[in-house]
Protein backbone atom coordinates (compact mmCIF):
# COMPACT_ATOMS: atom_id res chain seq x y z
CA MET A 1 55.55 -109.91 -85.65
CA SER A 2 57.57 -107.38 -83.74
CA THR A 3 61.02 -106.46 -84.93
CA THR A 4 62.25 -105.97 -81.37
CA SER A 5 64.95 -108.51 -80.56
CA ASN A 6 64.96 -110.88 -77.61
CA ARG A 7 61.22 -110.80 -77.09
CA GLY A 8 59.48 -113.90 -75.89
CA GLN A 9 55.89 -114.91 -76.41
CA ASP A 10 55.05 -113.59 -72.94
CA ASP A 11 55.86 -110.07 -74.14
CA ILE A 12 53.20 -109.96 -76.84
CA GLY A 13 50.89 -107.03 -76.26
CA LYS A 14 48.40 -104.70 -77.84
CA ASN A 15 51.01 -103.07 -80.08
CA ASP A 16 51.82 -106.46 -81.56
CA ILE A 17 48.15 -107.01 -82.39
CA GLY A 18 48.02 -103.64 -84.15
CA GLU A 19 51.22 -104.44 -86.02
CA ALA A 20 49.90 -107.84 -87.06
CA VAL A 21 46.66 -106.27 -88.29
CA ALA A 22 48.61 -103.74 -90.34
CA THR A 23 51.22 -106.06 -91.81
CA GLY A 24 50.40 -109.65 -91.05
CA THR A 25 48.02 -112.47 -91.59
CA ASN A 26 44.87 -113.46 -89.73
CA ARG A 27 46.87 -116.22 -88.06
CA GLN A 28 49.35 -113.68 -86.64
CA VAL A 29 46.50 -111.50 -85.38
CA MET A 30 44.79 -114.42 -83.68
CA THR A 31 48.05 -115.63 -82.14
CA ALA A 32 48.81 -112.19 -80.71
CA ALA A 33 45.25 -111.85 -79.39
CA LEU A 34 45.41 -115.32 -77.83
CA PHE A 35 48.64 -114.59 -75.99
CA LEU A 36 47.30 -111.25 -74.78
CA ALA A 37 44.15 -112.95 -73.47
CA MET A 38 46.22 -115.64 -71.76
CA ASP A 39 48.39 -112.96 -70.12
CA GLU A 40 45.28 -111.17 -68.86
CA GLU A 41 43.84 -114.39 -67.44
CA LEU A 42 47.12 -115.25 -65.72
CA LEU A 43 47.20 -111.76 -64.21
CA HIS A 44 43.69 -112.16 -62.82
CA GLU A 45 44.49 -115.67 -61.57
CA THR A 46 47.58 -114.38 -59.78
CA GLU A 47 45.57 -111.55 -58.23
CA ARG A 48 42.98 -114.08 -56.99
CA ASP A 49 45.68 -116.35 -55.60
CA ASN A 50 47.34 -113.46 -53.80
CA ARG A 51 44.03 -112.28 -52.39
CA ASP A 52 43.11 -115.80 -51.23
CA ALA A 53 46.54 -116.28 -49.66
CA GLY A 54 46.11 -112.98 -47.80
CA LEU A 55 42.72 -114.04 -46.49
CA ALA A 56 44.12 -117.37 -45.33
CA MET A 57 46.81 -115.59 -43.32
CA VAL A 58 44.31 -113.46 -41.36
């Protein structure tokens, strides 16, 4: 997908989806979208965990 070197799957973002749409296959688009969605869910999960941990400390 991206031509940037040393990029892991965790670094896939919206630009990669656009690049895959422009130059790639449906499989590449879906893979990029899946990783982006997983990153978003992990972010929200981390935010919830941090919030819950803060409430437990009060």
